[in-house]
């Protein structure tokens, strides 16, 4: 809208199509927009559409199963023709969760509404049957859930799925134990899950034995500076790094004058300790 000279207006006001459409509808209702001939044409159009709707409804009621039902899928895209009441619209735009419709009879008039309201109104009118298609039901095969019954010293083995439930705080009560300690096999890794305290701890291991030792707190059985005998030789644990243990041979250290080192896997050291404990029983 402009005021003043067209080429050099004093005032310029830009209105959205939504505001213009709303104002035009108000003017039509106030009988200040259409001339007598246009009003006569509009009344004839409404009568024609109402008759079409009545005939369509009668046909729908006489044919079992032809009504729009909940087992139908609504499919629509830009350019689709839809009917709401006595009006015919064209779907011209999607705006987020809204749709924009253009009145076919009066193209200058547009209307914006939410998709929820749009789909509800579309379902109410039998003239929109062309937008619906039947749902193809797919048979869902039951899923067999793996069950594992293994408990070692109060430590329960879980399936990988159950372990993920535990991590996400959704382990069913039937699988929970008093110790709060669990283990599972995930691919080629054994995973220990220690939830004995408020904060859970999760560790991966190469072997089941190592995983159980960690859960039982046996990883603290070996420490740097610890003396250990392997065979007939004496060693001090010089360094522990991941699964590797560096041993310093002290059997003949006073005579040789320089240190001798060897590296062993942590599991090997623990197995030596296990063997000595068994012999002492």
C-alpha atoms as a PDB file:
ATOM      1  CA  UNK A   1       0.000   0.000   0.000  1.00  0.00           C
ATOM      2  CA  UNK A   2       1.291   3.449  -0.858  1.00  0.00           C
ATOM      3  CA  UNK A   3       0.169   6.994  -0.189  1.00  0.00           C
ATOM      4  CA  UNK A   4       1.085   9.916  -2.424  1.00  0.00           C
ATOM      5  CA  UNK A   5       2.793   9.795  -5.818  1.00  0.00           C
ATOM      6  CA  UNK A   6       3.238   6.266  -7.203  1.00  0.00           C
ATOM      7  CA  UNK A   7       6.801   7.012  -8.334  1.00  0.00           C
ATOM      8  CA  UNK A   8       7.676   8.952  -5.175  1.00  0.00           C
ATOM      9  CA  UNK A   9       5.234   7.846  -2.441  1.00  0.00           C
ATOM     10  CA  UNK A  10       5.002   9.570   0.917  1.00  0.00           C
ATOM     11  CA  UNK A  11       4.173   6.339   2.781  1.00  0.00           C
ATOM     12  CA  UNK A  12       4.772   2.679   1.870  1.00  0.00           C
ATOM     13  CA  UNK A  13       3.160  -0.134   3.880  1.00  0.00           C
ATOM     14  CA  UNK A  14       3.976  -3.784   3.161  1.00  0.00           C
ATOM     15  CA  UNK A  15       1.375  -6.339   4.226  1.00  0.00           C
ATOM     16  CA  UNK A  16       1.759 -10.120   4.265  1.00  0.00           C
ATOM     17  CA  UNK A  17      -0.620 -12.240   2.187  1.00  0.00           C
ATOM     18  CA  UNK A  18      -2.043 -13.637   5.444  1.00  0.00           C
ATOM     19  CA  UNK A  19      -3.084 -10.180   6.648  1.00  0.00           C
ATOM     20  CA  UNK A  20      -4.458  -9.260   3.234  1.00  0.00           C
ATOM     21  CA  UNK A  21      -6.468 -12.508   3.037  1.00  0.00           C
ATOM     22  CA  UNK A  22      -7.870 -11.950   6.518  1.00  0.00           C
ATOM     23  CA  UNK A  23      -8.939  -8.406   5.654  1.00  0.00           C
ATOM     24  CA  UNK A  24     -10.557  -9.488   2.389  1.00  0.00           C
ATOM     25  CA  UNK A  25     -12.561 -12.156   4.231  1.00  0.00           C
ATOM     26  CA  UNK A  26     -13.715  -9.504   6.727  1.00  0.00           C
ATOM     27  CA  UNK A  27     -14.785  -7.208   3.893  1.00  0.00           C
ATOM     28  CA  UNK A  28     -16.705 -10.030   2.191  1.00  0.00           C
ATOM     29  CA  UNK A  29     -18.546 -10.811   5.443  1.00  0.00           C
ATOM     30  CA  UNK A  30     -19.325  -7.091   5.838  1.00  0.00           C
ATOM     31  CA  UNK A  31     -20.639  -7.030   2.246  1.00  0.00           C
ATOM     32  CA  UNK A  32     -18.092  -4.364   1.283  1.00  0.00           C
ATOM     33  CA  UNK A  33     -15.949  -6.281  -1.197  1.00  0.00           C
ATOM     34  CA  UNK A  34     -17.980  -8.079  -3.875  1.00  0.00           C
ATOM     35  CA  UNK A  35     -20.333  -6.439  -6.350  1.00  0.00           C
ATOM     36  CA  UNK A  36     -23.808  -7.973  -6.878  1.00  0.00           C
ATOM     37  CA  UNK A  37     -22.695 -10.090  -9.840  1.00  0.00           C
ATOM     38  CA  UNK A  38     -19.700 -11.480  -7.945  1.00  0.00           C
ATOM     39  CA  UNK A  39     -21.873 -12.256  -4.917  1.00  0.00           C
ATOM     40  CA  UNK A  40     -24.337 -14.115  -7.129  1.00  0.00           C
ATOM     41  CA  UNK A  41     -21.509 -16.172  -8.612  1.00  0.00           C
ATOM     42  CA  UNK A  42     -20.147 -16.920  -5.141  1.00  0.00           C
ATOM     43  CA  UNK A  43     -23.551 -18.101  -3.886  1.00  0.00           C
ATOM     44  CA  UNK A  44     -23.946 -20.370  -6.905  1.00  0.00           C
ATOM     45  CA  UNK A  45     -20.465 -21.820  -6.291  1.00  0.00           C
ATOM     46  CA  UNK A  46     -21.264 -22.533  -2.634  1.00  0.00           C
ATOM     47  CA  UNK A  47     -24.538 -24.232  -3.583  1.00  0.00           C
ATOM     48  CA  UNK A  48     -22.738 -26.355  -6.166  1.00  0.00           C
ATOM     49  CA  UNK A  49     -20.059 -27.434  -3.694  1.00  0.00           C
ATOM     50  CA  UNK A  50     -22.617 -28.178  -0.957  1.00  0.00           C
ATOM     51  CA  UNK A  51     -24.611 -30.333  -3.358  1.00  0.00           C
ATOM     52  CA  UNK A  52     -21.423 -32.158  -4.323  1.00  0.00           C
ATOM     53  CA  UNK A  53     -20.587 -32.773  -0.666  1.00  0.00           C
ATOM     54  CA  UNK A  54     -24.097 -34.058   0.093  1.00  0.00           C
ATOM     55  CA  UNK A  55     -23.998 -36.467  -2.854  1.00  0.00           C
ATOM     56  CA  UNK A  56     -20.551 -37.668  -1.881  1.00  0.00           C
ATOM     57  CA  UNK A  57     -21.597 -38.290   1.723  1.00  0.00           C
ATOM     58  CA  UNK A  58     -24.652 -40.237   0.586  1.00  0.00           C
ATOM     59  CA  UNK A  59     -22.504 -42.441  -1.614  1.00  0.00           C
ATOM     60  CA  UNK A  60     -19.991 -42.950   1.176  1.00  0.00           C
ATOM     61  CA  UNK A  61     -22.689 -44.038   3.627  1.00  0.00           C
ATOM     62  CA  UNK A  62     -24.127 -46.536   1.146  1.00  0.00           C
ATOM     63  CA  UNK A  63     -20.820 -48.310   0.520  1.00  0.00           C
ATOM     64  CA  UNK A  64     -19.434 -50.280   3.455  1.00  0.00           C
ATOM     65  CA  UNK A  65     -15.857 -49.489   4.290  1.00  0.00           C
ATOM     66  CA  UNK A  66     -15.590 -46.538   1.887  1.00  0.00           C
ATOM     67  CA  UNK A  67     -15.462 -43.871   4.585  1.00  0.00           C
ATOM     68  CA  UNK A  68     -12.139 -42.389   5.664  1.00  0.00           C
ATOM     69  CA  UNK A  69     -11.031 -44.438   8.655  1.00  0.00           C
ATOM     70  CA  UNK A  70      -8.184 -44.516  11.075  1.00  0.00           C
ATOM     71  CA  UNK A  71      -6.464 -47.322   9.150  1.00  0.00           C
ATOM     72  CA  UNK A  72      -5.795 -44.936   6.256  1.00  0.00           C
ATOM     73  CA  UNK A  73      -2.585 -43.012   5.639  1.00  0.00           C
ATOM     74  CA  UNK A  74      -2.899 -39.352   4.641  1.00  0.00           C
ATOM     75  CA  UNK A  75      -0.559 -38.442   1.780  1.00  0.00           C
ATOM     76  CA  UNK A  76      -0.291 -34.882   0.545  1.00  0.00           C
ATOM     77  CA  UNK A  77       2.288 -32.702  -1.172  1.00  0.00           C
ATOM     78  CA  UNK A  78       2.610 -29.211  -2.630  1.00  0.00           C
ATOM     79  CA  UNK A  79      -0.085 -28.547  -5.208  1.00  0.00           C
ATOM     80  CA  UNK A  80      -2.559 -30.999  -3.666  1.00  0.00           C
ATOM     81  CA  UNK A  81      -6.233 -30.054  -3.887  1.00  0.00           C
ATOM     82  CA  UNK A  82      -8.138 -30.275  -0.592  1.00  0.00           C
ATOM     83  CA  UNK A  83     -11.714 -29.529   0.432  1.00  0.00           C
ATOM     84  CA  UNK A  84     -12.746 -27.899   3.701  1.00  0.00           C
ATOM     85  CA  UNK A  85     -16.420 -27.307   4.127  1.00  0.00           C
ATOM     86  CA  UNK A  86     -17.681 -25.684   0.929  1.00  0.00           C
ATOM     87  CA  UNK A  87     -14.286 -24.333  -0.084  1.00  0.00           C
ATOM     88  CA  UNK A  88     -11.680 -25.823  -2.392  1.00  0.00           C
ATOM     89  CA  UNK A  89      -8.024 -25.100  -1.622  1.00  0.00           C
ATOM     90  CA  UNK A  90      -4.617 -25.707  -3.127  1.00  0.00           C
ATOM     91  CA  UNK A  91      -1.701 -26.538  -0.843  1.00  0.00           C
ATOM     92  CA  UNK A  92       0.988 -23.986  -1.759  1.00  0.00           C
ATOM     93  CA  UNK A  93       3.592 -24.072   1.048  1.00  0.00           C
ATOM     94  CA  UNK A  94       4.912 -25.740   4.199  1.00  0.00           C
ATOM     95  CA  UNK A  95       6.079 -23.441   6.992  1.00  0.00           C
ATOM     96  CA  UNK A  96       7.517 -25.488   9.830  1.00  0.00           C
ATOM     97  CA  UNK A  97       4.538 -27.164  11.500  1.00  0.00           C
ATOM     98  CA  UNK A  98       2.080 -25.134   9.439  1.00  0.00           C
ATOM     99  CA  UNK A  99       0.623 -25.397   5.938  1.00  0.00           C
ATOM    100  CA  UNK A 100      -0.416 -22.544   3.654  1.00  0.00           C
ATOM    101  CA  UNK A 101      -3.560 -22.930   1.543  1.00  0.00           C
ATOM    102  CA  UNK A 102      -4.822 -20.843  -1.375  1.00  0.00           C
ATOM    103  CA  UNK A 103      -8.525 -20.495  -2.108  1.00  0.00           C
ATOM    104  CA  UNK A 104      -9.064 -21.847  -5.639  1.00  0.00           C
ATOM    105  CA  UNK A 105     -12.101 -19.639  -6.220  1.00  0.00           C
ATOM    106  CA  UNK A 106     -10.347 -16.507  -4.921  1.00  0.00           C
ATOM    107  CA  UNK A 107      -6.578 -16.997  -5.502  1.00  0.00           C
ATOM    108  CA  UNK A 108      -5.691 -13.803  -3.617  1.00  0.00           C
ATOM    109  CA  UNK A 109      -7.009 -15.374  -0.417  1.00  0.00           C
ATOM    110  CA  UNK A 110      -4.619 -17.617   1.522  1.00  0.00           C
ATOM    111  CA  UNK A 111      -4.961 -19.303   4.874  1.00  0.00           C
ATOM    112  CA  UNK A 112      -2.314 -20.657   7.254  1.00  0.00           C
ATOM    113  CA  UNK A 113      -3.032 -23.386   9.801  1.00  0.00           C
ATOM    114  CA  UNK A 114      -1.180 -26.015  11.788  1.00  0.00           C
ATOM    115  CA  UNK A 115      -0.655 -29.443  10.236  1.00  0.00           C
ATOM    116  CA  UNK A 116      -2.657 -30.992  13.082  1.00  0.00           C
ATOM    117  CA  UNK A 117      -5.682 -28.806  12.378  1.00  0.00           C
ATOM    118  CA  UNK A 118      -5.205 -29.237   8.621  1.00  0.00           C
ATOM    119  CA  UNK A 119      -5.179 -33.036   8.791  1.00  0.00           C
ATOM    120  CA  UNK A 120      -8.179 -33.076  11.128  1.00  0.00           C
ATOM    121  CA  UNK A 121     -10.228 -30.945   8.748  1.00  0.00           C
ATOM    122  CA  UNK A 122      -9.102 -32.984   5.740  1.00  0.00           C
ATOM    123  CA  UNK A 123     -10.246 -36.207   7.431  1.00  0.00           C
ATOM    124  CA  UNK A 124     -13.662 -34.711   8.145  1.00  0.00           C
ATOM    125  CA  UNK A 125     -14.483 -34.173   4.452  1.00  0.00           C
ATOM    126  CA  UNK A 126     -15.201 -37.246   2.208  1.00  0.00           C
ATOM    127  CA  UNK A 127     -14.145 -35.219  -0.855  1.00  0.00           C
ATOM    128  CA  UNK A 128     -10.559 -35.718   0.330  1.00  0.00           C
ATOM    129  CA  UNK A 129     -10.648 -39.514  -0.080  1.00  0.00           C
ATOM    130  CA  UNK A 130      -8.174 -39.215  -2.940  1.00  0.00           C
ATOM    131  CA  UNK A 131      -5.501 -38.195  -0.428  1.00  0.00           C
ATOM    132  CA  UNK A 132      -5.721 -41.451   1.552  1.00  0.00           C
ATOM    133  CA  UNK A 133      -4.219 -44.869   1.028  1.00  0.00           C
ATOM    134  CA  UNK A 134      -4.484 -48.131   2.963  1.00  0.00           C
ATOM    135  CA  UNK A 135      -1.884 -49.020   5.572  1.00  0.00           C
ATOM    136  CA  UNK A 136       0.148 -52.064   4.638  1.00  0.00           C
ATOM    137  CA  UNK A 137       0.499 -54.112   7.794  1.00  0.00           C
ATOM    138  CA  UNK A 138       3.804 -55.928   8.186  1.00  0.00           C
ATOM    139  CA  UNK A 139       3.958 -59.008  10.325  1.00  0.00           C
ATOM    140  CA  UNK A 140       6.478 -58.537  13.091  1.00  0.00           C
ATOM    141  CA  UNK A 141       8.312 -61.681  14.069  1.00  0.00           C
ATOM    142  CA  UNK A 142       8.869 -62.101  17.818  1.00  0.00           C
ATOM    143  CA  UNK A 143      12.412 -61.436  18.981  1.00  0.00           C
ATOM    144  CA  UNK A 144      14.016 -64.117  21.090  1.00  0.00           C
ATOM    145  CA  UNK A 145      15.859 -62.445  23.946  1.00  0.00           C
ATOM    146  CA  UNK A 146      19.086 -64.171  24.873  1.00  0.00           C
ATOM    147  CA  UNK A 147      19.164 -65.501  28.416  1.00  0.00           C
ATOM    148  CA  UNK A 148      22.419 -66.242  30.290  1.00  0.00           C
ATOM    149  CA  UNK A 149      22.454 -67.928  33.698  1.00  0.00           C
ATOM    150  CA  UNK A 150      25.958 -67.533  35.089  1.00  0.00           C
ATOM    151  CA  UNK A 151      26.986 -66.272  38.507  1.00  0.00           C
ATOM    152  CA  UNK A 152      30.568 -66.368  39.789  1.00  0.00           C
ATOM    153  CA  UNK A 153      31.218 -65.374  43.400  1.00  0.00           C
ATOM    154  CA  UNK A 154      28.198 -63.076  43.379  1.00  0.00           C
ATOM    155  CA  UNK A 155      29.157 -61.505  40.043  1.00  0.00           C
ATOM    156  CA  UNK A 156      26.392 -61.917  37.447  1.00  0.00           C
ATOM    157  CA  UNK A 157      26.936 -62.290  33.738  1.00  0.00           C
ATOM    158  CA  UNK A 158      24.629 -60.183  31.559  1.00  0.00           C
ATOM    159  CA  UNK A 159      23.865 -60.132  27.863  1.00  0.00           C
ATOM    160  CA  UNK A 160      25.211 -57.084  25.977  1.00  0.00           C
ATOM    161  CA  UNK A 161      21.628 -55.742  25.833  1.00  0.00           C
ATOM    162  CA  UNK A 162      21.155 -56.136  29.584  1.00  0.00           C
ATOM    163  CA  UNK A 163      24.538 -54.464  30.160  1.00  0.00           C
ATOM    164  CA  UNK A 164      23.397 -51.458  28.106  1.00  0.00           C
ATOM    165  CA  UNK A 165      20.222 -51.341  30.219  1.00  0.00           C
ATOM    166  CA  UNK A 166      22.356 -51.300  33.363  1.00  0.00           C
ATOM    167  CA  UNK A 167      24.515 -48.446  32.040  1.00  0.00           C
ATOM    168  CA  UNK A 168      21.369 -46.461  31.181  1.00  0.00           C
ATOM    169  CA  UNK A 169      19.825 -47.159  34.597  1.00  0.00           C
ATOM    170  CA  UNK A 170      17.067 -49.446  33.307  1.00  0.00           C
ATOM    171  CA  UNK A 171      18.184 -52.964  34.348  1.00  0.00           C
ATOM    172  CA  UNK A 172      15.066 -54.972  35.373  1.00  0.00           C
ATOM    173  CA  UNK A 173      14.940 -55.908  39.054  1.00  0.00           C
ATOM    174  CA  UNK A 174      15.036 -59.622  38.231  1.00  0.00           C
ATOM    175  CA  UNK A 175      18.618 -59.276  36.955  1.00  0.00           C
ATOM    176  CA  UNK A 176      20.018 -57.076  39.722  1.00  0.00           C
ATOM    177  CA  UNK A 177      22.241 -58.647  42.385  1.00  0.00           C
ATOM    178  CA  UNK A 178      23.445 -57.642  45.846  1.00  0.00           C
ATOM    179  CA  UNK A 179      27.086 -57.098  44.905  1.00  0.00           C
ATOM    180  CA  UNK A 180      26.302 -54.619  42.115  1.00  0.00           C
ATOM    181  CA  UNK A 181      28.998 -56.271  39.972  1.00  0.00           C
ATOM    182  CA  UNK A 182      28.405 -57.700  36.497  1.00  0.00           C
ATOM    183  CA  UNK A 183      30.268 -58.778  33.389  1.00  0.00           C
ATOM    184  CA  UNK A 184      29.434 -59.419  29.741  1.00  0.00           C
ATOM    185  CA  UNK A 185      31.050 -60.469  26.484  1.00  0.00           C
ATOM    186  CA  UNK A 186      30.832 -57.690  23.896  1.00  0.00           C
ATOM    187  CA  UNK A 187      32.362 -58.879  20.634  1.00  0.00           C
ATOM    188  CA  UNK A 188      35.833 -60.140  21.517  1.00  0.00           C
ATOM    189  CA  UNK A 189      36.105 -58.065  24.706  1.00  0.00           C
ATOM    190  CA  UNK A 190      35.031 -58.958  28.223  1.00  0.00           C
ATOM    191  CA  UNK A 191      33.462 -55.981  29.946  1.00  0.00           C
ATOM    192  CA  UNK A 192      33.323 -55.535  33.705  1.00  0.00           C
ATOM    193  CA  UNK A 193      30.593 -53.353  35.206  1.00  0.00           C
ATOM    194  CA  UNK A 194      31.109 -52.334  38.833  1.00  0.00           C
ATOM    195  CA  UNK A 195      28.002 -50.624  40.213  1.00  0.00           C
ATOM    196  CA  UNK A 196      28.670 -51.469  43.851  1.00  0.00           C
ATOM    197  CA  UNK A 197      29.006 -47.746  44.565  1.00  0.00           C
ATOM    198  CA  UNK A 198      26.771 -44.865  43.528  1.00  0.00           C
ATOM    199  CA  UNK A 199      29.037 -44.109  40.566  1.00  0.00           C
ATOM    200  CA  UNK A 200      29.448 -47.021  38.142  1.00  0.00           C
ATOM    201  CA  UNK A 201      32.752 -48.098  36.584  1.00  0.00           C
ATOM    202  CA  UNK A 202      33.131 -49.951  33.278  1.00  0.00           C
ATOM    203  CA  UNK A 203      36.350 -51.566  32.014  1.00  0.00           C
ATOM    204  CA  UNK A 204      37.257 -53.753  29.017  1.00  0.00           C
ATOM    205  CA  UNK A 205      39.529 -56.797  29.203  1.00  0.00           C
ATOM    206  CA  UNK A 206      40.974 -59.341  26.811  1.00  0.00           C
ATOM    207  CA  UNK A 207      40.060 -62.331  28.982  1.00  0.00           C
ATOM    208  CA  UNK A 208      37.232 -63.403  31.223  1.00  0.00           C
ATOM    209  CA  UNK A 209      39.653 -64.228  34.062  1.00  0.00           C
ATOM    210  CA  UNK A 210      41.175 -60.747  34.007  1.00  0.00           C
ATOM    211  CA  UNK A 211      37.723 -59.174  33.992  1.00  0.00           C
ATOM    212  CA  UNK A 212      36.645 -61.197  37.044  1.00  0.00           C
ATOM    213  CA  UNK A 213      39.879 -60.373  38.880  1.00  0.00           C
ATOM    214  CA  UNK A 214      39.199 -56.676  38.356  1.00  0.00           C
ATOM    215  CA  UNK A 215      35.644 -57.021  39.648  1.00  0.00           C
ATOM    216  CA  UNK A 216      36.877 -58.954  42.686  1.00  0.00           C
ATOM    217  CA  UNK A 217      39.477 -56.291  43.410  1.00  0.00           C
ATOM    218  CA  UNK A 218      42.377 -58.612  42.696  1.00  0.00           C
ATOM    219  CA  UNK A 219      44.074 -56.118  40.405  1.00  0.00           C
ATOM    220  CA  UNK A 220      45.411 -54.516  43.603  1.00  0.00           C
ATOM    221  CA  UNK A 221      47.221 -57.745  44.562  1.00  0.00           C
ATOM    222  CA  UNK A 222      50.198 -56.563  42.550  1.00  0.00           C
ATOM    223  CA  UNK A 223      51.824 -53.156  42.938  1.00  0.00           C
ATOM    224  CA  UNK A 224      55.076 -51.384  42.199  1.00  0.00           C
ATOM    225  CA  UNK A 225      57.824 -52.198  44.701  1.00  0.00           C
ATOM    226  CA  UNK A 226      56.300 -55.601  45.492  1.00  0.00           C
ATOM    227  CA  UNK A 227      58.644 -58.601  45.912  1.00  0.00           C
ATOM    228  CA  UNK A 228      57.758 -61.763  44.021  1.00  0.00           C
ATOM    229  CA  UNK A 229      59.469 -65.087  43.365  1.00  0.00           C
ATOM    230  CA  UNK A 230      59.171 -66.802  39.996  1.00  0.00           C
ATOM    231  CA  UNK A 231      60.791 -70.191  39.934  1.00  0.00           C
ATOM    232  CA  UNK A 232      64.080 -69.889  41.800  1.00  0.00           C
ATOM    233  CA  UNK A 233      64.583 -66.198  41.095  1.00  0.00           C
ATOM    234  CA  UNK A 234      63.533 -63.149  43.074  1.00  0.00           C
ATOM    235  CA  UNK A 235      62.113 -59.973  41.552  1.00  0.00           C
ATOM    236  CA  UNK A 236      60.804 -56.557  42.466  1.00  0.00           C
ATOM    237  CA  UNK A 237      57.922 -55.116  40.443  1.00  0.00           C
ATOM    238  CA  UNK A 238      59.539 -52.042  38.963  1.00  0.00           C
ATOM    239  CA  UNK A 239      56.646 -50.676  36.896  1.00  0.00           C
ATOM    240  CA  UNK A 240      53.050 -51.596  35.998  1.00  0.00           C
ATOM    241  CA  UNK A 241      51.731 -50.139  32.760  1.00  0.00           C
ATOM    242  CA  UNK A 242      48.348 -51.319  31.453  1.00  0.00           C
ATOM    243  CA  UNK A 243      48.650 -55.125  31.204  1.00  0.00           C
ATOM    244  CA  UNK A 244      52.457 -55.155  31.242  1.00  0.00           C
ATOM    245  CA  UNK A 245      54.553 -55.646  34.383  1.00  0.00           C
ATOM    246  CA  UNK A 246      58.280 -54.770  34.433  1.00  0.00           C
ATOM    247  CA  UNK A 247      60.283 -56.969  36.826  1.00  0.00           C
ATOM    248  CA  UNK A 248      63.788 -56.229  38.149  1.00  0.00           C
ATOM    249  CA  UNK A 249      65.796 -59.343  38.929  1.00  0.00           C
ATOM    250  CA  UNK A 250      67.384 -59.002  42.388  1.00  0.00           C
ATOM    251  CA  UNK A 251      68.626 -62.595  42.709  1.00  0.00           C
ATOM    252  CA  UNK A 252      72.269 -61.739  42.003  1.00  0.00           C
ATOM    253  CA  UNK A 253      72.063 -57.937  41.946  1.00  0.00           C
ATOM    254  CA  UNK A 254      74.824 -57.534  44.537  1.00  0.00           C
ATOM    255  CA  UNK A 255      77.250 -59.721  42.556  1.00  0.00           C
ATOM    256  CA  UNK A 256      76.423 -58.548  39.012  1.00  0.00           C
ATOM    257  CA  UNK A 257      76.403 -54.843  39.745  1.00  0.00           C
ATOM    258  CA  UNK A 258      73.799 -53.836  37.128  1.00  0.00           C
ATOM    259  CA  UNK A 259      70.044 -54.475  37.003  1.00  0.00           C
ATOM    260  CA  UNK A 260      68.415 -57.171  34.853  1.00  0.00           C
ATOM    261  CA  UNK A 261      64.828 -56.610  33.784  1.00  0.00           C
ATOM    262  CA  UNK A 262      62.095 -58.778  32.267  1.00  0.00           C
ATOM    263  CA  UNK A 263      58.552 -57.965  31.195  1.00  0.00           C
ATOM    264  CA  UNK A 264      55.541 -60.173  31.876  1.00  0.00           C
ATOM    265  CA  UNK A 265      51.793 -59.942  31.341  1.00  0.00           C
ATOM    266  CA  UNK A 266      49.786 -59.002  34.413  1.00  0.00           C
ATOM    267  CA  UNK A 267      47.730 -62.193  34.104  1.00  0.00           C
ATOM    268  CA  UNK A 268      50.920 -64.247  34.319  1.00  0.00           C
ATOM    269  CA  UNK A 269      51.939 -62.505  37.550  1.00  0.00           C
ATOM    270  CA  UNK A 270      48.471 -63.083  39.029  1.00  0.00           C
ATOM    271  CA  UNK A 271      48.619 -66.752  38.027  1.00  0.00           C
ATOM    272  CA  UNK A 272      51.964 -67.077  39.850  1.00  0.00           C
ATOM    273  CA  UNK A 273      50.369 -65.619  42.976  1.00  0.00           C
ATOM    274  CA  UNK A 274      47.376 -67.966  42.603  1.00  0.00           C
ATOM    275  CA  UNK A 275      49.679 -70.946  42.358  1.00  0.00           C
ATOM    276  CA  UNK A 276      51.600 -69.974  45.492  1.00  0.00           C
ATOM    277  CA  UNK A 277      48.353 -69.423  47.432  1.00  0.00           C
ATOM    278  CA  UNK A 278      47.144 -72.871  46.361  1.00  0.00           C
ATOM    279  CA  UNK A 279      50.401 -74.508  47.530  1.00  0.00           C
ATOM    280  CA  UNK A 280      50.127 -72.777  50.902  1.00  0.00           C
ATOM    281  CA  UNK A 281      46.640 -74.140  51.584  1.00  0.00           C
END
